[in-house]
N, C-alpha and C. Protein backbone atom coordinates (compact mmCIF):
# COMPACT_ATOMS: atom_id res chain seq x y z
N MET A 1 103.72 19.49 -5.84
CA MET A 1 103.10 18.64 -7.16
C MET A 1 102.12 17.48 -6.79
N ASN A 2 101.14 17.19 -7.34
CA ASN A 2 100.36 16.13 -6.97
C ASN A 2 101.28 14.72 -6.97
N GLN A 3 101.11 13.89 -6.15
CA GLN A 3 101.98 12.63 -6.00
C GLN A 3 101.71 11.51 -7.29
N ASP A 4 100.55 11.63 -7.77
CA ASP A 4 100.34 10.78 -8.92
C ASP A 4 101.06 11.34 -10.23
N LEU A 5 101.09 12.61 -10.33
CA LEU A 5 101.73 13.21 -11.41
C LEU A 5 103.30 13.04 -11.33
N ARG A 6 103.65 13.27 -10.19
CA ARG A 6 105.21 13.10 -9.78
C ARG A 6 105.57 11.60 -10.20
N LYS A 7 104.77 10.70 -9.63
CA LYS A 7 105.02 9.03 -10.06
C LYS A 7 105.08 9.00 -11.74
N GLU A 8 104.00 9.79 -12.29
CA GLU A 8 104.20 9.24 -13.87
C GLU A 8 105.21 9.97 -14.24
N ARG A 9 105.61 11.07 -13.98
CA ARG A 9 106.91 11.69 -14.64
C ARG A 9 108.14 10.84 -14.45
N ALA A 10 108.12 10.37 -13.14
CA ALA A 10 109.45 9.54 -12.84
C ALA A 10 109.48 8.32 -13.79
N ALA A 11 108.34 7.83 -14.12
CA ALA A 11 108.19 6.66 -14.95
C ALA A 11 108.45 6.81 -16.35
N ALA A 12 108.27 7.87 -16.94
CA ALA A 12 108.23 8.35 -18.23
C ALA A 12 109.50 7.92 -18.94
N SER A 13 109.29 7.47 -20.13
CA SER A 13 110.52 6.83 -21.12
C SER A 13 111.23 8.08 -21.57
N PHE A 14 111.08 9.35 -21.34
CA PHE A 14 111.77 10.38 -21.89
C PHE A 14 111.81 11.39 -20.71
N ASN A 15 112.89 12.45 -20.85
CA ASN A 15 113.10 13.58 -19.85
C ASN A 15 111.85 14.42 -19.93
N PRO A 16 110.86 14.45 -18.94
CA PRO A 16 109.83 15.35 -18.98
C PRO A 16 110.30 17.00 -18.87
N GLU A 17 111.48 17.23 -18.46
CA GLU A 17 111.94 18.44 -18.41
C GLU A 17 112.24 19.00 -19.65
N LEU A 18 112.82 18.10 -20.61
CA LEU A 18 112.95 18.51 -22.04
C LEU A 18 111.66 18.79 -22.88
N LEU A 19 110.77 18.08 -22.28
CA LEU A 19 109.30 18.34 -23.07
C LEU A 19 108.87 19.64 -22.54
N THR A 20 109.10 19.94 -21.35
CA THR A 20 108.52 20.89 -20.69
C THR A 20 109.36 22.34 -21.51
N HIS A 21 110.53 22.27 -21.66
CA HIS A 21 111.28 23.16 -22.31
C HIS A 21 110.65 23.42 -23.89
N VAL A 22 110.31 22.34 -24.68
CA VAL A 22 109.63 22.36 -25.81
C VAL A 22 108.38 23.07 -25.76
N LEU A 23 107.46 22.75 -24.69
CA LEU A 23 106.42 23.35 -24.79
C LEU A 23 106.31 24.92 -24.42
N ASP A 24 107.44 25.17 -23.72
CA ASP A 24 107.57 26.66 -23.26
C ASP A 24 108.36 27.40 -24.34
N GLY A 25 108.84 26.72 -25.06
CA GLY A 25 109.88 27.52 -26.32
C GLY A 25 111.28 27.27 -26.24
N SER A 26 111.59 27.23 -24.87
CA SER A 26 113.21 27.27 -24.58
C SER A 26 113.48 27.09 -23.09
N PRO A 27 114.58 26.82 -22.66
CA PRO A 27 114.91 26.40 -21.05
C PRO A 27 114.70 27.72 -20.59
N GLU A 28 115.16 29.03 -21.23
CA GLU A 28 114.95 30.16 -20.56
C GLU A 28 113.46 30.62 -20.45
N ASN A 29 112.59 30.26 -21.36
CA ASN A 29 111.08 30.35 -20.99
C ASN A 29 110.74 29.75 -20.00
N THR A 30 111.15 28.47 -19.65
CA THR A 30 110.61 27.75 -18.66
C THR A 30 111.11 28.36 -17.18
N ARG A 31 112.23 28.72 -17.36
CA ARG A 31 112.96 29.51 -16.12
C ARG A 31 112.08 30.61 -15.71
N ARG A 32 111.67 31.38 -16.68
CA ARG A 32 111.06 32.52 -16.58
C ARG A 32 109.56 32.32 -16.23
N ARG A 33 109.04 31.25 -16.74
CA ARG A 33 107.55 30.98 -16.43
C ARG A 33 107.70 30.35 -14.98
N ARG A 34 108.37 29.71 -14.36
CA ARG A 34 108.47 29.35 -13.28
C ARG A 34 108.62 30.66 -12.23
N GLU A 35 109.54 31.24 -12.52
CA GLU A 35 109.72 32.57 -11.74
C GLU A 35 108.49 33.27 -11.52
N ILE A 36 107.60 33.37 -12.84
CA ILE A 36 106.58 34.26 -12.54
C ILE A 36 105.33 33.53 -11.85
N GLU A 37 105.37 32.37 -11.93
CA GLU A 37 104.65 31.09 -11.05
C GLU A 37 105.02 31.52 -9.52
N ASN A 38 106.10 31.57 -9.35
CA ASN A 38 106.56 31.54 -7.90
C ASN A 38 106.21 33.04 -7.26
N LEU A 39 106.35 33.85 -8.21
CA LEU A 39 105.93 35.20 -7.77
C LEU A 39 104.49 35.39 -7.10
N ILE A 40 103.54 34.57 -8.08
CA ILE A 40 102.11 34.63 -7.80
C ILE A 40 101.60 33.49 -6.60
N LEU A 41 102.55 32.49 -6.60
CA LEU A 41 102.28 31.62 -5.56
C LEU A 41 102.55 32.02 -3.91
N LYS A 42 103.69 33.10 -4.09
CA LYS A 42 104.30 33.36 -2.75
C LYS A 42 103.37 34.93 -2.43
N ASP A 43 102.79 35.37 -3.23
CA ASP A 43 102.11 36.65 -2.88
C ASP A 43 100.83 36.58 -2.20
N PRO A 44 100.64 36.99 -1.00
CA PRO A 44 99.23 36.94 -0.40
C PRO A 44 98.00 37.63 -1.10
N ASP A 45 98.34 38.68 -1.89
CA ASP A 45 97.32 39.30 -2.68
C ASP A 45 96.53 38.38 -3.68
N PHE A 46 97.34 37.28 -4.07
CA PHE A 46 96.77 36.27 -5.09
C PHE A 46 96.15 35.14 -4.38
N GLN A 47 95.99 35.12 -3.06
CA GLN A 47 95.12 33.93 -2.55
C GLN A 47 93.64 34.23 -2.76
N HIS A 48 93.27 33.10 -3.22
CA HIS A 48 91.65 33.02 -3.89
C HIS A 48 90.76 33.12 -2.84
N GLU A 49 89.66 33.72 -2.55
CA GLU A 49 88.60 33.67 -2.01
C GLU A 49 87.70 32.35 -2.34
N ASP A 50 86.83 32.04 -1.44
CA ASP A 50 85.86 30.83 -2.08
C ASP A 50 84.78 31.92 -2.41
N LEU A 51 84.44 31.72 -3.69
CA LEU A 51 83.52 32.52 -4.45
C LEU A 51 82.19 31.88 -4.40
N ASN A 52 82.02 30.78 -3.94
CA ASN A 52 80.62 30.09 -3.90
C ASN A 52 79.80 30.58 -3.01
N PHE A 53 80.19 31.21 -1.85
CA PHE A 53 79.31 31.95 -1.06
C PHE A 53 78.98 33.54 -1.33
N LEU A 54 79.59 34.11 -2.18
CA LEU A 54 79.26 35.43 -2.64
C LEU A 54 78.06 35.76 -3.22
N THR A 55 77.56 36.90 -3.19
CA THR A 55 76.37 37.21 -3.89
C THR A 55 77.34 37.74 -5.31
N ARG A 56 76.44 37.79 -6.38
CA ARG A 56 76.94 38.37 -7.77
C ARG A 56 77.65 39.86 -7.58
N SER A 57 76.96 40.67 -6.77
CA SER A 57 77.48 41.73 -6.50
C SER A 57 79.18 41.55 -5.87
N GLN A 58 79.21 40.80 -4.88
CA GLN A 58 80.43 40.78 -4.19
C GLN A 58 81.39 39.88 -4.96
N ARG A 59 80.92 39.04 -6.11
CA ARG A 59 81.95 38.41 -6.80
C ARG A 59 82.25 39.38 -7.86
N TYR A 60 81.52 40.32 -8.37
CA TYR A 60 81.96 41.35 -9.29
C TYR A 60 83.21 42.22 -8.52
N GLU A 61 82.93 42.68 -7.26
CA GLU A 61 83.70 43.51 -6.83
C GLU A 61 85.09 42.77 -6.59
N VAL A 62 84.97 41.42 -6.30
CA VAL A 62 86.35 40.73 -5.98
C VAL A 62 86.96 40.66 -7.56
N ALA A 63 86.43 40.55 -8.61
CA ALA A 63 86.72 40.39 -9.89
C ALA A 63 87.29 41.88 -10.38
N VAL A 64 86.90 42.84 -9.97
CA VAL A 64 87.71 44.10 -10.25
C VAL A 64 88.71 44.42 -9.51
N ARG A 65 88.68 43.94 -8.23
CA ARG A 65 90.10 44.28 -7.30
C ARG A 65 90.98 43.24 -7.86
N LYS A 66 90.73 42.00 -8.27
CA LYS A 66 91.66 40.92 -8.82
C LYS A 66 92.43 41.73 -9.93
N SER A 67 91.49 42.20 -10.71
CA SER A 67 92.02 42.83 -12.15
C SER A 67 92.79 43.92 -11.87
N ALA A 68 92.58 44.99 -10.98
CA ALA A 68 93.34 45.92 -10.55
C ALA A 68 94.90 45.30 -10.17
N THR A 69 94.56 44.48 -9.06
CA THR A 69 95.87 43.81 -8.57
C THR A 69 96.78 43.17 -9.65
N THR A 70 96.12 42.41 -10.63
CA THR A 70 96.86 41.92 -11.63
C THR A 70 97.49 42.86 -12.45
N VAL A 71 96.94 44.02 -12.80
CA VAL A 71 97.74 45.19 -13.33
C VAL A 71 98.82 45.58 -12.60
N GLU A 72 98.64 46.15 -11.23
CA GLU A 72 99.52 46.79 -10.49
C GLU A 72 100.73 45.67 -10.49
N LYS A 73 100.59 44.20 -10.42
CA LYS A 73 101.69 43.33 -10.02
C LYS A 73 102.53 43.07 -11.44
N MET A 74 101.73 43.15 -12.45
CA MET A 74 102.44 42.89 -13.71
C MET A 74 103.14 44.19 -14.02
N ARG A 75 102.86 45.23 -13.50
CA ARG A 75 103.70 46.53 -13.81
C ARG A 75 104.73 46.50 -12.71
N LYS A 76 104.54 45.98 -11.56
CA LYS A 76 105.57 45.89 -10.49
C LYS A 76 106.70 44.88 -10.88
N PHE A 77 106.12 43.72 -11.23
CA PHE A 77 107.11 42.69 -11.64
C PHE A 77 107.79 42.81 -13.10
N GLY A 78 107.58 43.78 -13.83
CA GLY A 78 108.04 44.03 -15.13
C GLY A 78 107.61 43.10 -16.20
N ILE A 79 106.25 42.55 -16.01
CA ILE A 79 105.70 41.59 -17.07
C ILE A 79 105.09 42.31 -18.07
N ALA A 80 105.70 42.28 -19.28
CA ALA A 80 104.93 42.94 -20.58
C ALA A 80 104.85 42.29 -21.73
N ASP A 81 105.93 41.06 -21.72
CA ASP A 81 105.92 40.36 -23.00
C ASP A 81 104.61 39.59 -22.80
N PRO A 82 103.83 39.52 -24.16
CA PRO A 82 102.57 38.68 -24.27
C PRO A 82 102.55 37.32 -23.65
N ASP A 83 103.50 36.53 -23.69
CA ASP A 83 103.80 35.27 -23.33
C ASP A 83 103.70 35.25 -21.94
N GLU A 84 104.66 35.93 -21.20
CA GLU A 84 104.61 36.48 -19.86
C GLU A 84 103.30 36.91 -19.11
N ILE A 85 102.47 37.72 -19.99
CA ILE A 85 101.35 38.03 -19.46
C ILE A 85 100.37 36.89 -19.22
N MET A 86 100.26 36.10 -20.43
CA MET A 86 99.52 34.72 -20.54
C MET A 86 99.85 33.83 -19.38
N TRP A 87 101.18 33.65 -19.00
CA TRP A 87 101.50 32.92 -17.83
C TRP A 87 101.06 33.48 -16.40
N PHE A 88 101.35 34.70 -16.43
CA PHE A 88 101.04 35.29 -15.20
C PHE A 88 99.22 35.24 -15.06
N LYS A 89 98.48 35.75 -16.12
CA LYS A 89 97.22 35.48 -15.98
C LYS A 89 96.51 33.95 -15.64
N LYS A 90 97.10 33.23 -16.24
CA LYS A 90 96.90 31.78 -16.41
C LYS A 90 96.98 31.11 -15.04
N LEU A 91 98.10 31.26 -14.23
CA LEU A 91 98.10 30.74 -12.95
C LEU A 91 97.31 31.68 -11.93
N HIS A 92 97.22 33.10 -12.06
CA HIS A 92 96.55 33.85 -11.20
C HIS A 92 95.15 33.92 -11.39
N LEU A 93 94.62 33.69 -12.49
CA LEU A 93 93.02 33.63 -12.70
C LEU A 93 92.42 32.35 -12.97
N VAL A 94 92.80 31.41 -12.67
CA VAL A 94 92.55 29.93 -12.70
C VAL A 94 91.08 29.82 -12.14
N ASN A 95 90.32 29.44 -12.94
CA ASN A 95 88.53 29.32 -12.80
C ASN A 95 88.14 30.57 -12.19
N PHE A 96 88.46 31.65 -12.86
CA PHE A 96 88.07 32.90 -12.41
C PHE A 96 87.92 33.73 -13.72
N VAL A 97 86.81 34.26 -13.82
CA VAL A 97 86.54 35.37 -14.82
C VAL A 97 87.02 36.77 -14.53
N GLU A 98 87.65 37.43 -15.16
CA GLU A 98 88.10 38.73 -14.89
C GLU A 98 87.60 39.86 -15.94
N PRO A 99 87.24 40.72 -15.26
CA PRO A 99 86.67 41.97 -16.18
C PRO A 99 87.47 42.31 -17.09
N VAL A 100 88.72 42.55 -17.35
CA VAL A 100 89.66 42.85 -18.43
C VAL A 100 89.91 41.78 -19.38
N GLY A 101 89.47 40.49 -19.42
CA GLY A 101 89.75 39.54 -20.15
C GLY A 101 89.67 39.75 -21.62
N LEU A 102 88.54 40.25 -21.95
CA LEU A 102 88.48 40.65 -23.39
C LEU A 102 89.41 41.51 -23.99
N ASN A 103 90.13 42.40 -23.25
CA ASN A 103 91.33 43.20 -23.66
C ASN A 103 92.15 42.49 -24.40
N TYR A 104 92.69 41.39 -23.76
CA TYR A 104 93.74 40.43 -24.38
C TYR A 104 93.17 39.34 -25.07
N SER A 105 92.05 38.91 -25.00
CA SER A 105 91.68 37.57 -25.84
C SER A 105 90.90 38.02 -27.12
N MET A 106 90.58 39.43 -27.16
CA MET A 106 89.71 39.62 -28.15
C MET A 106 90.19 41.01 -28.87
N PHE A 107 90.25 41.96 -28.05
CA PHE A 107 90.43 43.44 -28.43
C PHE A 107 91.96 43.43 -29.11
N ILE A 108 93.13 43.10 -28.43
CA ILE A 108 94.43 43.14 -28.93
C ILE A 108 94.54 42.22 -30.15
N PRO A 109 94.27 41.01 -30.12
CA PRO A 109 94.23 40.17 -31.34
C PRO A 109 93.47 40.79 -32.63
N THR A 110 92.41 41.35 -32.41
CA THR A 110 91.47 41.96 -33.53
C THR A 110 92.19 43.33 -34.01
N LEU A 111 92.63 43.88 -33.11
CA LEU A 111 93.45 45.07 -33.64
C LEU A 111 94.88 44.77 -34.17
N LEU A 112 95.43 43.92 -33.91
CA LEU A 112 96.65 43.20 -34.61
C LEU A 112 96.22 42.64 -35.93
N ASN A 113 95.21 41.95 -36.15
CA ASN A 113 94.98 41.31 -37.38
C ASN A 113 93.92 42.04 -38.04
N GLN A 114 93.27 43.05 -37.63
CA GLN A 114 92.41 43.65 -38.60
C GLN A 114 92.51 45.08 -38.74
N GLY A 115 93.36 45.59 -37.61
CA GLY A 115 93.21 47.01 -37.39
C GLY A 115 94.15 47.57 -38.49
N THR A 116 94.05 48.96 -38.94
CA THR A 116 94.92 49.52 -39.92
C THR A 116 96.18 49.96 -39.05
N THR A 117 97.26 50.43 -39.83
CA THR A 117 98.39 50.84 -38.94
C THR A 117 98.23 52.03 -38.16
N ALA A 118 97.18 53.07 -38.61
CA ALA A 118 97.01 54.02 -37.76
C ALA A 118 96.16 53.70 -36.56
N GLN A 119 95.36 52.69 -36.56
CA GLN A 119 94.55 52.18 -35.45
C GLN A 119 95.71 51.38 -34.36
N GLN A 120 96.53 50.74 -34.89
CA GLN A 120 97.43 50.02 -34.26
C GLN A 120 98.30 51.16 -33.62
N GLU A 121 98.82 52.20 -34.16
CA GLU A 121 99.49 53.07 -33.39
C GLU A 121 98.83 53.68 -32.50
N LYS A 122 97.42 53.98 -32.57
CA LYS A 122 96.90 54.82 -31.74
C LYS A 122 96.42 54.02 -30.38
N TRP A 123 96.20 52.65 -30.58
CA TRP A 123 95.49 51.98 -29.57
C TRP A 123 96.34 50.65 -29.05
N LEU A 124 97.20 50.30 -29.67
CA LEU A 124 97.99 48.92 -29.27
C LEU A 124 98.65 48.99 -28.28
N LEU A 125 99.70 49.96 -28.15
CA LEU A 125 100.50 50.08 -26.83
C LEU A 125 99.65 50.55 -25.68
N SER A 126 98.88 51.32 -25.92
CA SER A 126 98.03 51.79 -24.54
C SER A 126 96.95 50.49 -24.10
N SER A 127 96.73 49.64 -25.10
CA SER A 127 95.89 48.64 -24.58
C SER A 127 96.52 47.30 -24.07
N GLN A 128 98.02 47.21 -24.46
CA GLN A 128 98.94 46.24 -23.94
C GLN A 128 99.25 46.74 -22.55
N ARG A 129 99.58 48.02 -22.34
CA ARG A 129 99.77 48.64 -21.01
C ARG A 129 98.55 48.69 -20.22
N LEU A 130 97.48 48.34 -20.63
CA LEU A 130 96.06 48.46 -20.01
C LEU A 130 95.89 50.10 -19.27
N GLU A 131 96.55 50.94 -20.18
CA GLU A 131 96.15 52.59 -19.94
C GLU A 131 94.60 52.40 -20.42
N ILE A 132 94.34 51.84 -21.65
CA ILE A 132 92.79 51.62 -21.79
C ILE A 132 92.56 50.13 -21.76
N ILE A 133 91.16 50.01 -21.69
CA ILE A 133 90.75 48.52 -21.58
C ILE A 133 89.93 48.24 -22.73
N GLY A 134 90.39 47.59 -23.78
CA GLY A 134 89.57 47.32 -24.93
C GLY A 134 88.53 46.13 -24.86
N THR A 135 87.52 46.18 -25.56
CA THR A 135 86.58 45.20 -25.62
C THR A 135 86.31 44.63 -26.96
N TYR A 136 85.28 43.90 -27.23
CA TYR A 136 85.07 43.30 -28.56
C TYR A 136 83.57 43.17 -28.79
N ALA A 137 83.00 43.86 -29.73
CA ALA A 137 81.82 43.54 -30.01
C ALA A 137 81.39 42.94 -31.49
N GLN A 138 80.33 42.10 -31.68
CA GLN A 138 80.22 41.51 -32.86
C GLN A 138 78.79 41.21 -33.26
N THR A 139 78.32 41.66 -34.22
CA THR A 139 76.84 41.33 -34.67
C THR A 139 76.86 40.56 -35.76
N GLU A 140 75.97 39.58 -36.11
CA GLU A 140 75.89 38.79 -37.30
C GLU A 140 75.20 39.43 -38.50
N LEU A 141 75.82 39.51 -39.61
CA LEU A 141 75.05 40.02 -40.66
C LEU A 141 73.99 38.98 -41.03
N GLY A 142 73.01 39.68 -41.69
CA GLY A 142 71.66 38.69 -42.13
C GLY A 142 70.85 38.20 -41.04
N HIS A 143 70.99 38.62 -39.77
CA HIS A 143 70.25 38.25 -38.85
C HIS A 143 69.40 39.30 -38.28
N ASP A 144 68.84 40.23 -39.16
CA ASP A 144 67.82 41.55 -38.83
C ASP A 144 68.54 42.13 -37.62
N LYS A 145 69.77 42.50 -37.84
CA LYS A 145 70.63 43.51 -37.08
C LYS A 145 70.55 44.66 -37.60
N ALA A 146 70.33 45.78 -36.90
CA ALA A 146 70.52 47.13 -37.46
C ALA A 146 72.00 47.67 -37.55
N ILE A 147 72.57 47.00 -38.47
CA ILE A 147 74.28 47.27 -38.64
C ILE A 147 74.61 48.94 -38.82
N ASP A 148 73.63 49.66 -39.50
CA ASP A 148 73.78 50.97 -39.66
C ASP A 148 73.61 51.74 -38.41
N ARG A 149 72.89 51.15 -37.36
CA ARG A 149 72.85 51.84 -36.23
C ARG A 149 73.81 51.23 -35.07
N PHE A 150 74.57 50.51 -35.57
CA PHE A 150 75.47 49.84 -34.40
C PHE A 150 76.28 50.88 -33.91
N GLU A 151 76.52 50.93 -32.50
CA GLU A 151 77.08 51.74 -31.68
C GLU A 151 77.81 51.19 -30.42
N TYR A 152 78.99 51.57 -30.19
CA TYR A 152 79.52 50.96 -28.93
C TYR A 152 80.13 52.40 -28.22
N LEU A 153 80.19 52.26 -26.74
CA LEU A 153 80.57 53.31 -25.79
C LEU A 153 82.01 52.90 -25.68
N GLU A 154 82.68 53.92 -25.57
CA GLU A 154 84.04 54.10 -25.28
C GLU A 154 84.20 54.86 -23.89
N TYR A 155 84.45 54.49 -22.90
CA TYR A 155 84.61 55.21 -21.60
C TYR A 155 86.20 55.85 -21.31
N GLU A 156 86.23 56.96 -21.02
CA GLU A 156 87.57 57.61 -20.80
C GLU A 156 87.88 57.53 -19.37
N LEU A 157 88.75 56.87 -18.94
CA LEU A 157 88.86 57.00 -17.33
C LEU A 157 89.84 58.28 -17.13
N PRO A 158 89.79 58.87 -16.03
CA PRO A 158 89.12 58.30 -14.90
C PRO A 158 87.74 59.09 -14.82
N ASN A 159 87.14 59.59 -15.60
CA ASN A 159 85.90 60.38 -15.60
C ASN A 159 84.84 59.57 -15.96
N LEU A 160 85.17 58.65 -16.49
CA LEU A 160 83.90 57.75 -17.24
C LEU A 160 83.02 58.42 -18.09
N ILE A 161 83.50 59.33 -19.02
CA ILE A 161 82.75 59.89 -19.78
C ILE A 161 82.46 59.02 -21.02
N PRO A 162 81.20 58.80 -21.46
CA PRO A 162 80.92 57.89 -22.69
C PRO A 162 81.03 58.79 -23.88
N ASN A 163 81.68 58.17 -24.86
CA ASN A 163 82.05 58.65 -26.24
C ASN A 163 81.22 57.72 -27.14
N TYR A 164 80.35 57.97 -28.07
CA TYR A 164 79.73 57.25 -28.77
C TYR A 164 80.43 57.00 -30.13
N HIS A 165 80.53 55.89 -30.75
CA HIS A 165 81.41 55.76 -31.97
C HIS A 165 80.05 55.01 -32.67
N ASN A 166 80.21 55.08 -34.10
CA ASN A 166 79.15 54.40 -34.92
C ASN A 166 80.08 53.66 -35.96
N GLY A 167 79.57 52.54 -36.24
CA GLY A 167 80.20 51.71 -37.44
C GLY A 167 81.44 50.75 -37.39
N SER A 168 82.06 51.06 -36.49
CA SER A 168 83.26 50.02 -36.27
C SER A 168 83.89 49.87 -34.95
N ILE A 169 84.64 48.75 -34.74
CA ILE A 169 85.04 48.45 -33.50
C ILE A 169 85.90 49.46 -32.88
N MET A 170 86.82 50.28 -33.81
CA MET A 170 87.69 51.14 -33.52
C MET A 170 87.70 52.32 -34.29
N SER A 171 87.81 53.29 -33.66
CA SER A 171 87.73 54.26 -34.52
C SER A 171 88.95 55.35 -34.50
């Protein structure tokens, strides 16, 4: 821990550990978050390269590899709870854009908040398990966009066969 931070915490008029429990939701959540953080910090697969000297293609390859490693490790460590996934990704992907980020930040929340029961039954569990990787597309009404021709591609792994869907985010 940073020495300045350690000094400030020691001088606080309250117990910083109690505040940590409040922010995490409970002492058990704090314990579990720290456990997940330690798994990442001690795992050589999560050591970060210096991306500053890589080409765009090389950075993309690193991002894909790290995303695949993230999925493998989450499964290996039994990390499935949304809060635990957030803790895991937050520490592992600091200052790092990852290819499957929209699955968690846009696709799943949109599915939960706007999807029908049938859509949630079809897509939610498989997107949370990363059996599929969802994304999100949006166009602005009234800005000369061809809404009636809006399409998106769905790629079915492992063959990457495109399927075209018209008119909605989820079919």
